[in-house]
Amino acid sequence: MTKVIFITQQGESIEVEGDSGSLMELATANGITGIDGDCGGVCSCATCHVYVTAEDAHKLAAAEEVETDMLELDDKVTEYSRLCCQIAVSDSIDGMTFVVAN
């Protein structure tokens, strides 16, 4: 079981766990405030924008062009921005922390 921590914009730390799907699906299933996933996870809305912590950034593969293009439409983008619909729930993200951007 993969466990991750979401930090909401209110500073609340919420640990959730799952074993399949995307990080966006895991967040919405657990009611994480600020992760809406309006497009259903097809990388066309940026309502699942998160920041990866600097210490965890190397654990993820680079964002593909469709993700970086979508992130360009968001005013809050940083070098650690990702769309969590594009991050699979897997052992590689176990223990990671994601800060909700919205």
PDB file of N, CA and C in Angstrom:
ATOM      1  N   MET A   1       0.847  -1.176   0.000  1.00  0.00           N
ATOM      2  CA  MET A   1       0.000   0.000   0.000  1.00  0.00           C
ATOM      3  C   MET A   1       0.894   1.242   0.000  1.00  0.00           C
ATOM      4  N   THR A   2       0.643   2.155  -0.915  1.00  0.00           N
ATOM      5  CA  THR A   2       1.395   3.401  -1.028  1.00  0.00           C
ATOM      6  C   THR A   2       0.761   4.458  -0.127  1.00  0.00           C
ATOM      7  N   LYS A   3       1.589   5.117   0.669  1.00  0.00           N
ATOM      8  CA  LYS A   3       1.139   6.198   1.539  1.00  0.00           C
ATOM      9  C   LYS A   3       1.782   7.490   1.080  1.00  0.00           C
ATOM     10  N   VAL A   4       0.974   8.550   0.983  1.00  0.00           N
ATOM     11  CA  VAL A   4       1.482   9.878   0.653  1.00  0.00           C
ATOM     12  C   VAL A   4       0.845  10.887   1.588  1.00  0.00           C
ATOM     13  N   ILE A   5       1.451  12.052   1.651  1.00  0.00           N
ATOM     14  CA  ILE A   5       0.938  13.131   2.493  1.00  0.00           C
ATOM     15  C   ILE A   5       0.596  14.316   1.599  1.00  0.00           C
ATOM     16  N   PHE A   6      -0.591  14.863   1.802  1.00  0.00           N
ATOM     17  CA  PHE A   6      -0.996  16.100   1.148  1.00  0.00           C
ATOM     18  C   PHE A   6      -0.975  17.202   2.195  1.00  0.00           C
ATOM     19  N   ILE A   7      -0.435  18.350   1.812  1.00  0.00           N
ATOM     20  CA  ILE A   7      -0.480  19.538   2.660  1.00  0.00           C
ATOM     21  C   ILE A   7      -1.448  20.503   1.981  1.00  0.00           C
ATOM     22  N   THR A   8      -2.552  20.823   2.642  1.00  0.00           N
ATOM     23  CA  THR A   8      -3.551  21.707   2.050  1.00  0.00           C
ATOM     24  C   THR A   8      -3.100  23.159   2.163  1.00  0.00           C
ATOM     25  N   GLN A   9      -3.793  24.041   1.468  1.00  0.00           N
ATOM     26  CA  GLN A   9      -3.493  25.465   1.539  1.00  0.00           C
ATOM     27  C   GLN A   9      -3.758  26.034   2.934  1.00  0.00           C
ATOM     28  N   GLN A  10      -4.521  25.316   3.735  1.00  0.00           N
ATOM     29  CA  GLN A  10      -4.765  25.735   5.122  1.00  0.00           C
ATOM     30  C   GLN A  10      -3.693  25.188   6.064  1.00  0.00           C
ATOM     31  N   GLY A  11      -2.706  24.469   5.518  1.00  0.00           N
ATOM     32  CA  GLY A  11      -1.614  23.936   6.313  1.00  0.00           C
ATOM     33  C   GLY A  11      -1.899  22.594   6.953  1.00  0.00           C
ATOM     34  N   GLU A  12      -3.041  22.005   6.626  1.00  0.00           N
ATOM     35  CA  GLU A  12      -3.389  20.709   7.191  1.00  0.00           C
ATOM     36  C   GLU A  12      -2.601  19.604   6.484  1.00  0.00           C
ATOM     37  N   SER A  13      -2.047  18.691   7.242  1.00  0.00           N
ATOM     38  CA  SER A  13      -1.303  17.549   6.721  1.00  0.00           C
ATOM     39  C   SER A  13      -2.210  16.323   6.771  1.00  0.00           C
ATOM     40  N   ILE A  14      -2.445  15.716   5.603  1.00  0.00           N
ATOM     41  CA  ILE A  14      -3.358  14.580   5.521  1.00  0.00           C
ATOM     42  C   ILE A  14      -2.636  13.409   4.858  1.00  0.00           C
ATOM     43  N   GLU A  15      -2.518  12.309   5.588  1.00  0.00           N
ATOM     44  CA  GLU A  15      -1.902  11.110   5.028  1.00  0.00           C
ATOM     45  C   GLU A  15      -2.987  10.213   4.461  1.00  0.00           C
ATOM     46  N   VAL A  16      -2.784   9.759   3.227  1.00  0.00           N
ATOM     47  CA  VAL A  16      -3.739   8.865   2.570  1.00  0.00           C
ATOM     48  C   VAL A  16      -2.961   7.681   2.001  1.00  0.00           C
ATOM     49  N   GLU A  17      -3.683   6.607   1.706  1.00  0.00           N
ATOM     50  CA  GLU A  17      -3.023   5.450   1.117  1.00  0.00           C
ATOM     51  C   GLU A  17      -3.893   4.825   0.044  1.00  0.00           C
ATOM     52  N   GLY A  18      -3.210   4.214  -0.916  1.00  0.00           N
ATOM     53  CA  GLY A  18      -3.897   3.554  -2.008  1.00  0.00           C
ATOM     54  C   GLY A  18      -2.954   2.600  -2.713  1.00  0.00           C
ATOM     55  N   ASP A  19      -3.502   1.836  -3.646  1.00  0.00           N
ATOM     56  CA  ASP A  19      -2.651   0.869  -4.340  1.00  0.00           C
ATOM     57  C   ASP A  19      -2.812   0.888  -5.858  1.00  0.00           C
ATOM     58  N   SER A  20      -3.615   1.834  -6.383  1.00  0.00           N
ATOM     59  CA  SER A  20      -3.772   1.910  -7.831  1.00  0.00           C
ATOM     60  C   SER A  20      -4.329   3.263  -8.232  1.00  0.00           C
ATOM     61  N   GLY A  21      -4.381   3.511  -9.533  1.00  0.00           N
ATOM     62  CA  GLY A  21      -4.931   4.752 -10.057  1.00  0.00           C
ATOM     63  C   GLY A  21      -3.922   5.881 -10.035  1.00  0.00           C
ATOM     64  N   SER A  22      -4.458   7.086 -10.169  1.00  0.00           N
ATOM     65  CA  SER A  22      -3.593   8.267 -10.157  1.00  0.00           C
ATOM     66  C   SER A  22      -3.630   8.931  -8.780  1.00  0.00           C
ATOM     67  N   LEU A  23      -2.673   9.789  -8.556  1.00  0.00           N
ATOM     68  CA  LEU A  23      -2.630  10.556  -7.315  1.00  0.00           C
ATOM     69  C   LEU A  23      -3.854  11.467  -7.211  1.00  0.00           C
ATOM     70  N   MET A  24      -4.346  11.972  -8.339  1.00  0.00           N
ATOM     71  CA  MET A  24      -5.555  12.793  -8.341  1.00  0.00           C
ATOM     72  C   MET A  24      -6.759  11.982  -7.880  1.00  0.00           C
ATOM     73  N   GLU A  25      -6.881  10.761  -8.360  1.00  0.00           N
ATOM     74  CA  GLU A  25      -7.994   9.902  -7.943  1.00  0.00           C
ATOM     75  C   GLU A  25      -7.917   9.611  -6.450  1.00  0.00           C
ATOM     76  N   LEU A  26      -6.714   9.384  -5.957  1.00  0.00           N
ATOM     77  CA  LEU A  26      -6.519   9.132  -4.534  1.00  0.00           C
ATOM     78  C   LEU A  26      -6.916  10.359  -3.713  1.00  0.00           C
ATOM     79  N   ALA A  27      -6.527  11.538  -4.191  1.00  0.00           N
ATOM     80  CA  ALA A  27      -6.854  12.780  -3.484  1.00  0.00           C
ATOM     81  C   ALA A  27      -8.358  13.033  -3.464  1.00  0.00           C
ATOM     82  N   THR A  28      -9.013  12.892  -4.608  1.00  0.00           N
ATOM     83  CA  THR A  28     -10.455  13.167  -4.644  1.00  0.00           C
ATOM     84  C   THR A  28     -11.238  12.134  -3.850  1.00  0.00           C
ATOM     85  N   ALA A  29     -10.802  10.884  -3.868  1.00  0.00           N
ATOM     86  CA  ALA A  29     -11.483   9.839  -3.095  1.00  0.00           C
ATOM     87  C   ALA A  29     -11.388  10.102  -1.596  1.00  0.00           C
ATOM     88  N   ASN A  30     -10.348  10.847  -1.198  1.00  0.00           N
ATOM     89  CA  ASN A  30     -10.147  11.134   0.218  1.00  0.00           C
ATOM     90  C   ASN A  30     -10.514  12.569   0.591  1.00  0.00           C
ATOM     91  N   GLY A  31     -11.165  13.276  -0.318  1.00  0.00           N
ATOM     92  CA  GLY A  31     -11.673  14.611  -0.017  1.00  0.00           C
ATOM     93  C   GLY A  31     -10.610  15.658   0.234  1.00  0.00           C
ATOM     94  N   ILE A  32      -9.482  15.575  -0.459  1.00  0.00           N
ATOM     95  CA  ILE A  32      -8.422  16.563  -0.262  1.00  0.00           C
ATOM     96  C   ILE A  32      -8.868  17.892  -0.867  1.00  0.00           C
ATOM     97  N   THR A  33      -9.021  18.902  -0.031  1.00  0.00           N
ATOM     98  CA  THR A  33      -9.455  20.223  -0.455  1.00  0.00           C
ATOM     99  C   THR A  33      -8.442  20.831  -1.424  1.00  0.00           C
ATOM    100  N   GLY A  34      -8.954  21.339  -2.562  1.00  0.00           N
ATOM    101  CA  GLY A  34      -8.095  21.982  -3.553  1.00  0.00           C
ATOM    102  C   GLY A  34      -7.720  21.081  -4.714  1.00  0.00           C
ATOM    103  N   ILE A  35      -8.000  19.788  -4.608  1.00  0.00           N
ATOM    104  CA  ILE A  35      -7.788  18.859  -5.717  1.00  0.00           C
ATOM    105  C   ILE A  35      -9.178  18.520  -6.260  1.00  0.00           C
ATOM    106  N   ASP A  36      -9.526  19.160  -7.371  1.00  0.00           N
ATOM    107  CA  ASP A  36     -10.860  18.976  -7.926  1.00  0.00           C
ATOM    108  C   ASP A  36     -10.902  17.915  -9.020  1.00  0.00           C
ATOM    109  N   GLY A  37      -9.898  17.891  -9.866  1.00  0.00           N
ATOM    110  CA  GLY A  37      -9.876  16.908 -10.952  1.00  0.00           C
ATOM    111  C   GLY A  37     -11.079  17.052 -11.867  1.00  0.00           C
ATOM    112  N   ASP A  38     -11.410  18.283 -12.225  1.00  0.00           N
ATOM    113  CA  ASP A  38     -12.607  18.554 -13.022  1.00  0.00           C
ATOM    114  C   ASP A  38     -12.657  17.792 -14.344  1.00  0.00           C
ATOM    115  N   CYS A  39     -11.515  17.531 -14.949  1.00  0.00           N
ATOM    116  CA  CYS A  39     -11.509  16.849 -16.251  1.00  0.00           C
ATOM    117  C   CYS A  39     -11.521  15.331 -16.113  1.00  0.00           C
ATOM    118  N   GLY A  40     -11.501  14.842 -14.901  1.00  0.00           N
ATOM    119  CA  GLY A  40     -11.530  13.399 -14.693  1.00  0.00           C
ATOM    120  C   GLY A  40     -10.187  12.725 -14.851  1.00  0.00           C
ATOM    121  N   GLY A  41      -9.143  13.500 -14.957  1.00  0.00           N
ATOM    122  CA  GLY A  41      -7.803  12.922 -15.021  1.00  0.00           C
ATOM    123  C   GLY A  41      -7.197  12.800 -16.404  1.00  0.00           C
ATOM    124  N   VAL A  42      -7.728  13.564 -17.367  1.00  0.00           N
ATOM    125  CA  VAL A  42      -7.190  13.467 -18.727  1.00  0.00           C
ATOM    126  C   VAL A  42      -6.252  14.632 -19.068  1.00  0.00           C
ATOM    127  N   CYS A  43      -5.774  15.311 -18.064  1.00  0.00           N
ATOM    128  CA  CYS A  43      -4.762  16.366 -18.220  1.00  0.00           C
ATOM    129  C   CYS A  43      -5.266  17.515 -19.096  1.00  0.00           C
ATOM    130  N   SER A  44      -6.481  17.996 -18.782  1.00  0.00           N
ATOM    131  CA  SER A  44      -6.993  19.104 -19.579  1.00  0.00           C
ATOM    132  C   SER A  44      -7.596  20.239 -18.750  1.00  0.00           C
ATOM    133  N   CYS A  45      -7.258  20.298 -17.439  1.00  0.00           N
ATOM    134  CA  CYS A  45      -7.865  21.382 -16.658  1.00  0.00           C
ATOM    135  C   CYS A  45      -6.943  21.990 -15.600  1.00  0.00           C
ATOM    136  N   ALA A  46      -5.956  21.309 -15.133  1.00  0.00           N
ATOM    137  CA  ALA A  46      -5.020  21.800 -14.105  1.00  0.00           C
ATOM    138  C   ALA A  46      -5.660  22.038 -12.746  1.00  0.00           C
ATOM    139  N   THR A  47      -6.822  21.411 -12.475  1.00  0.00           N
ATOM    140  CA  THR A  47      -7.446  21.559 -11.151  1.00  0.00           C
ATOM    141  C   THR A  47      -6.918  20.525 -10.165  1.00  0.00           C
ATOM    142  N   CYS A  48      -5.814  19.900 -10.513  1.00  0.00           N
ATOM    143  CA  CYS A  48      -5.157  18.954  -9.591  1.00  0.00           C
ATOM    144  C   CYS A  48      -3.687  19.334  -9.422  1.00  0.00           C
ATOM    145  N   HIS A  49      -3.417  20.626  -9.537  1.00  0.00           N
ATOM    146  CA  HIS A  49      -2.057  21.159  -9.436  1.00  0.00           C
ATOM    147  C   HIS A  49      -1.512  20.984  -8.020  1.00  0.00           C
ATOM    148  N   VAL A  50      -0.343  20.371  -7.937  1.00  0.00           N
ATOM    149  CA  VAL A  50       0.351  20.200  -6.666  1.00  0.00           C
ATOM    150  C   VAL A  50       1.811  20.607  -6.835  1.00  0.00           C
ATOM    151  N   TYR A  51       2.461  20.834  -5.709  1.00  0.00           N
ATOM    152  CA  TYR A  51       3.902  21.060  -5.682  1.00  0.00           C
ATOM    153  C   TYR A  51       4.548  19.834  -5.043  1.00  0.00           C
ATOM    154  N   VAL A  52       5.575  19.351  -5.691  1.00  0.00           N
ATOM    155  CA  VAL A  52       6.378  18.273  -5.139  1.00  0.00           C
ATOM    156  C   VAL A  52       7.464  18.935  -4.295  1.00  0.00           C
ATOM    157  N   THR A  53       7.785  18.367  -3.170  1.00  0.00           N
ATOM    158  CA  THR A  53       8.843  18.955  -2.357  1.00  0.00           C
ATOM    159  C   THR A  53      10.185  18.808  -3.062  1.00  0.00           C
ATOM    160  N   ALA A  54      11.074  19.724  -2.812  1.00  0.00           N
ATOM    161  CA  ALA A  54      12.388  19.712  -3.459  1.00  0.00           C
ATOM    162  C   ALA A  54      13.125  18.406  -3.198  1.00  0.00           C
ATOM    163  N   GLU A  55      12.997  17.892  -1.989  1.00  0.00           N
ATOM    164  CA  GLU A  55      13.705  16.657  -1.654  1.00  0.00           C
ATOM    165  C   GLU A  55      13.116  15.417  -2.327  1.00  0.00           C
ATOM    166  N   ASP A  56      11.877  15.500  -2.804  1.00  0.00           N
ATOM    167  CA  ASP A  56      11.245  14.361  -3.466  1.00  0.00           C
ATOM    168  C   ASP A  56      11.192  14.483  -4.986  1.00  0.00           C
ATOM    169  N   ALA A  57      11.510  15.634  -5.533  1.00  0.00           N
ATOM    170  CA  ALA A  57      11.344  15.882  -6.966  1.00  0.00           C
ATOM    171  C   ALA A  57      12.053  14.850  -7.833  1.00  0.00           C
ATOM    172  N   HIS A  58      13.198  14.381  -7.409  1.00  0.00           N
ATOM    173  CA  HIS A  58      13.973  13.420  -8.216  1.00  0.00           C
ATOM    174  C   HIS A  58      13.301  12.047  -8.316  1.00  0.00           C
ATOM    175  N   LYS A  59      12.315  11.786  -7.490  1.00  0.00           N
ATOM    176  CA  LYS A  59      11.641  10.482  -7.490  1.00  0.00           C
ATOM    177  C   LYS A  59      10.644  10.331  -8.631  1.00  0.00           C
ATOM    178  N   LEU A  60      10.266  11.440  -9.267  1.00  0.00           N
ATOM    179  CA  LEU A  60       9.281  11.406 -10.345  1.00  0.00           C
ATOM    180  C   LEU A  60       9.956  11.560 -11.696  1.00  0.00           C
ATOM    181  N   ALA A  61       9.400  10.891 -12.693  1.00  0.00           N
ATOM    182  CA  ALA A  61       9.861  11.099 -14.060  1.00  0.00           C
ATOM    183  C   ALA A  61       9.498  12.523 -14.468  1.00  0.00           C
ATOM    184  N   ALA A  62      10.202  13.047 -15.421  1.00  0.00           N
ATOM    185  CA  ALA A  62       9.912  14.396 -15.909  1.00  0.00           C
ATOM    186  C   ALA A  62       8.496  14.455 -16.477  1.00  0.00           C
ATOM    187  N   ALA A  63       7.878  15.609 -16.352  1.00  0.00           N
ATOM    188  CA  ALA A  63       6.540  15.815 -16.901  1.00  0.00           C
ATOM    189  C   ALA A  63       6.598  15.738 -18.421  1.00  0.00           C
ATOM    190  N   GLU A  64       5.571  15.124 -19.003  1.00  0.00           N
ATOM    191  CA  GLU A  64       5.486  15.068 -20.460  1.00  0.00           C
ATOM    192  C   GLU A  64       4.956  16.398 -20.988  1.00  0.00           C
ATOM    193  N   GLU A  65       5.071  16.609 -22.292  1.00  0.00           N
ATOM    194  CA  GLU A  65       4.712  17.882 -22.903  1.00  0.00           C
ATOM    195  C   GLU A  65       3.267  18.297 -22.638  1.00  0.00           C
ATOM    196  N   VAL A  66       2.339  17.362 -22.689  1.00  0.00           N
ATOM    197  CA  VAL A  66       0.926  17.705 -22.457  1.00  0.00           C
ATOM    198  C   VAL A  66       0.731  18.277 -21.048  1.00  0.00           C
ATOM    199  N   GLU A  67       1.453  17.746 -20.081  1.00  0.00           N
ATOM    200  CA  GLU A  67       1.368  18.253 -18.703  1.00  0.00           C
ATOM    201  C   GLU A  67       2.007  19.630 -18.584  1.00  0.00           C
ATOM    202  N   THR A  68       3.178  19.803 -19.148  1.00  0.00           N
ATOM    203  CA  THR A  68       3.845  21.107 -19.054  1.00  0.00           C
ATOM    204  C   THR A  68       3.047  22.183 -19.792  1.00  0.00           C
ATOM    205  N   ASP A  69       2.428  21.814 -20.913  1.00  0.00           N
ATOM    206  CA  ASP A  69       1.584  22.770 -21.639  1.00  0.00           C
ATOM    207  C   ASP A  69       0.398  23.206 -20.783  1.00  0.00           C
ATOM    208  N   MET A  70      -0.227  22.265 -20.092  1.00  0.00           N
ATOM    209  CA  MET A  70      -1.374  22.590 -19.245  1.00  0.00           C
ATOM    210  C   MET A  70      -0.936  23.442 -18.051  1.00  0.00           C
ATOM    211  N   LEU A  71       0.204  23.141 -17.482  1.00  0.00           N
ATOM    212  CA  LEU A  71       0.697  23.919 -16.344  1.00  0.00           C
ATOM    213  C   LEU A  71       1.009  25.367 -16.725  1.00  0.00           C
ATOM    214  N   GLU A  72       1.366  25.598 -17.973  1.00  0.00           N
ATOM    215  CA  GLU A  72       1.657  26.964 -18.419  1.00  0.00           C
ATOM    216  C   GLU A  72       0.451  27.884 -18.289  1.00  0.00           C
ATOM    217  N   LEU A  73      -0.744  27.311 -18.203  1.00  0.00           N
ATOM    218  CA  LEU A  73      -1.967  28.104 -18.084  1.00  0.00           C
ATOM    219  C   LEU A  73      -2.272  28.511 -16.644  1.00  0.00           C
ATOM    220  N   ASP A  74      -1.507  27.981 -15.693  1.00  0.00           N
ATOM    221  CA  ASP A  74      -1.742  28.253 -14.271  1.00  0.00           C
ATOM    222  C   ASP A  74      -0.771  29.334 -13.794  1.00  0.00           C
ATOM    223  N   ASP A  75      -1.274  30.317 -13.073  1.00  0.00           N
ATOM    224  CA  ASP A  75      -0.449  31.421 -12.578  1.00  0.00           C
ATOM    225  C   ASP A  75       0.481  31.042 -11.430  1.00  0.00           C
ATOM    226  N   LYS A  76       0.237  29.906 -10.794  1.00  0.00           N
ATOM    227  CA  LYS A  76       0.985  29.542  -9.590  1.00  0.00           C
ATOM    228  C   LYS A  76       2.085  28.507  -9.856  1.00  0.00           C
ATOM    229  N   VAL A  77       2.536  28.384 -11.086  1.00  0.00           N
ATOM    230  CA  VAL A  77       3.505  27.345 -11.450  1.00  0.00           C
ATOM    231  C   VAL A  77       4.898  27.678 -10.919  1.00  0.00           C
ATOM    232  N   THR A  78       5.547  26.638 -10.400  1.00  0.00           N
ATOM    233  CA  THR A  78       6.942  26.732  -9.978  1.00  0.00           C
ATOM    234  C   THR A  78       7.697  25.567 -10.621  1.00  0.00           C
ATOM    235  N   GLU A  79       8.976  25.495 -10.362  1.00  0.00           N
ATOM    236  CA  GLU A  79       9.766  24.381 -10.900  1.00  0.00           C
ATOM    237  C   GLU A  79       9.353  23.036 -10.293  1.00  0.00           C
ATOM    238  N   TYR A  80       8.592  23.070  -9.214  1.00  0.00           N
ATOM    239  CA  TYR A  80       8.147  21.844  -8.543  1.00  0.00           C
ATOM    240  C   TYR A  80       6.673  21.533  -8.803  1.00  0.00           C
ATOM    241  N   SER A  81       6.074  22.212  -9.755  1.00  0.00           N
ATOM    242  CA  SER A  81       4.661  21.995 -10.083  1.00  0.00           C
ATOM    243  C   SER A  81       4.464  20.709 -10.873  1.00  0.00           C
ATOM    244  N   ARG A  82       3.389  20.010 -10.528  1.00  0.00           N
ATOM    245  CA  ARG A  82       2.959  18.824 -11.277  1.00  0.00           C
ATOM    246  C   ARG A  82       1.442  18.754 -11.239  1.00  0.00           C
ATOM    247  N   LEU A  83       0.880  18.051 -12.200  1.00  0.00           N
ATOM    248  CA  LEU A  83      -0.540  17.729 -12.179  1.00  0.00           C
ATOM    249  C   LEU A  83      -0.640  16.322 -11.629  1.00  0.00           C
ATOM    250  N   CYS A  84      -1.351  16.176 -10.518  1.00  0.00           N
ATOM    251  CA  CYS A  84      -1.337  14.865  -9.869  1.00  0.00           C
ATOM    252  C   CYS A  84      -2.134  13.815 -10.624  1.00  0.00           C
ATOM    253  N   CYS A  85      -2.888  14.211 -11.666  1.00  0.00           N
ATOM    254  CA  CYS A  85      -3.547  13.213 -12.516  1.00  0.00           C
ATOM    255  C   CYS A  85      -2.524  12.464 -13.356  1.00  0.00           C
ATOM    256  N   GLN A  86      -1.328  13.017 -13.455  1.00  0.00           N
ATOM    257  CA  GLN A  86      -0.272  12.414 -14.268  1.00  0.00           C
ATOM    258  C   GLN A  86       0.735  11.623 -13.432  1.00  0.00           C
ATOM    259  N   ILE A  87       0.455  11.462 -12.153  1.00  0.00           N
ATOM    260  CA  ILE A  87       1.335  10.718 -11.246  1.00  0.00           C
ATOM    261  C   ILE A  87       0.610   9.460 -10.805  1.00  0.00           C
ATOM    262  N   ALA A  88       1.156   8.325 -11.164  1.00  0.00           N
ATOM    263  CA  ALA A  88       0.543   7.043 -10.803  1.00  0.00           C
ATOM    264  C   ALA A  88       0.831   6.704  -9.347  1.00  0.00           C
ATOM    265  N   VAL A  89      -0.154   6.122  -8.693  1.00  0.00           N
ATOM    266  CA  VAL A  89       0.045   5.615  -7.336  1.00  0.00           C
ATOM    267  C   VAL A  89       0.891   4.346  -7.474  1.00  0.00           C
ATOM    268  N   SER A  90       2.078   4.387  -6.908  1.00  0.00           N
ATOM    269  CA  SER A  90       3.009   3.259  -7.016  1.00  0.00           C
ATOM    270  C   SER A  90       4.019   3.330  -5.876  1.00  0.00           C
ATOM    271  N   ASP A  91       4.813   2.305  -5.759  1.00  0.00           N
ATOM    272  CA  ASP A  91       5.842   2.277  -4.714  1.00  0.00           C
ATOM    273  C   ASP A  91       6.813   3.443  -4.844  1.00  0.00           C
ATOM    274  N   SER A  92       7.008   3.954  -6.064  1.00  0.00           N
ATOM    275  CA  SER A  92       7.988   5.023  -6.268  1.00  0.00           C
ATOM    276  C   SER A  92       7.589   6.332  -5.579  1.00  0.00           C
ATOM    277  N   ILE A  93       6.302   6.524  -5.280  1.00  0.00           N
ATOM    278  CA  ILE A  93       5.893   7.757  -4.586  1.00  0.00           C
ATOM    279  C   ILE A  93       5.588   7.528  -3.111  1.00  0.00           C
ATOM    280  N   ASP A  94       5.782   6.312  -2.647  1.00  0.00           N
ATOM    281  CA  ASP A  94       5.502   6.000  -1.242  1.00  0.00           C
ATOM    282  C   ASP A  94       6.288   6.938  -0.320  1.00  0.00           C
ATOM    283  N   GLY A  95       5.580   7.570   0.592  1.00  0.00           N
ATOM    284  CA  GLY A  95       6.207   8.460   1.569  1.00  0.00           C
ATOM    285  C   GLY A  95       6.388   9.896   1.109  1.00  0.00           C
ATOM    286  N   MET A  96       6.031  10.191  -0.129  1.00  0.00           N
ATOM    287  CA  MET A  96       6.216  11.543  -0.648  1.00  0.00           C
ATOM    288  C   MET A  96       5.177  12.511  -0.080  1.00  0.00           C
ATOM    289  N   THR A  97       5.533  13.785  -0.107  1.00  0.00           N
ATOM    290  CA  THR A  97       4.648  14.863   0.322  1.00  0.00           C
ATOM    291  C   THR A  97       4.320  15.726  -0.876  1.00  0.00           C
ATOM    292  N   PHE A  98       3.041  16.090  -1.013  1.00  0.00           N
ATOM    293  CA  PHE A  98       2.559  16.935  -2.094  1.00  0.00           C
ATOM    294  C   PHE A  98       1.799  18.099  -1.481  1.00  0.00           C
ATOM    295  N   VAL A  99       2.143  19.309  -1.906  1.00  0.00           N
ATOM    296  CA  VAL A  99       1.476  20.521  -1.401  1.00  0.00           C
ATOM    297  C   VAL A  99       0.440  20.939  -2.428  1.00  0.00           C
ATOM    298  N   VAL A 100      -0.790  21.086  -1.995  1.00  0.00           N
ATOM    299  CA  VAL A 100      -1.891  21.475  -2.889  1.00  0.00           C
ATOM    300  C   VAL A 100      -1.690  22.930  -3.308  1.00  0.00           C
ATOM    301  N   ALA A 101      -1.712  23.178  -4.609  1.00  0.00           N
ATOM    302  CA  ALA A 101      -1.474  24.526  -5.127  1.00  0.00           C
ATOM    303  C   ALA A 101      -2.720  25.385  -5.123  1.00  0.00           C
ATOM    304  N   ASN A 102      -3.892  24.785  -5.238  1.00  0.00           N
ATOM    305  CA  ASN A 102      -5.158  25.537  -5.348  1.00  0.00           C
ATOM    306  C   ASN A 102      -5.824  25.717  -4.005  1.00  0.00           C
TER     307      ASN A 102
END
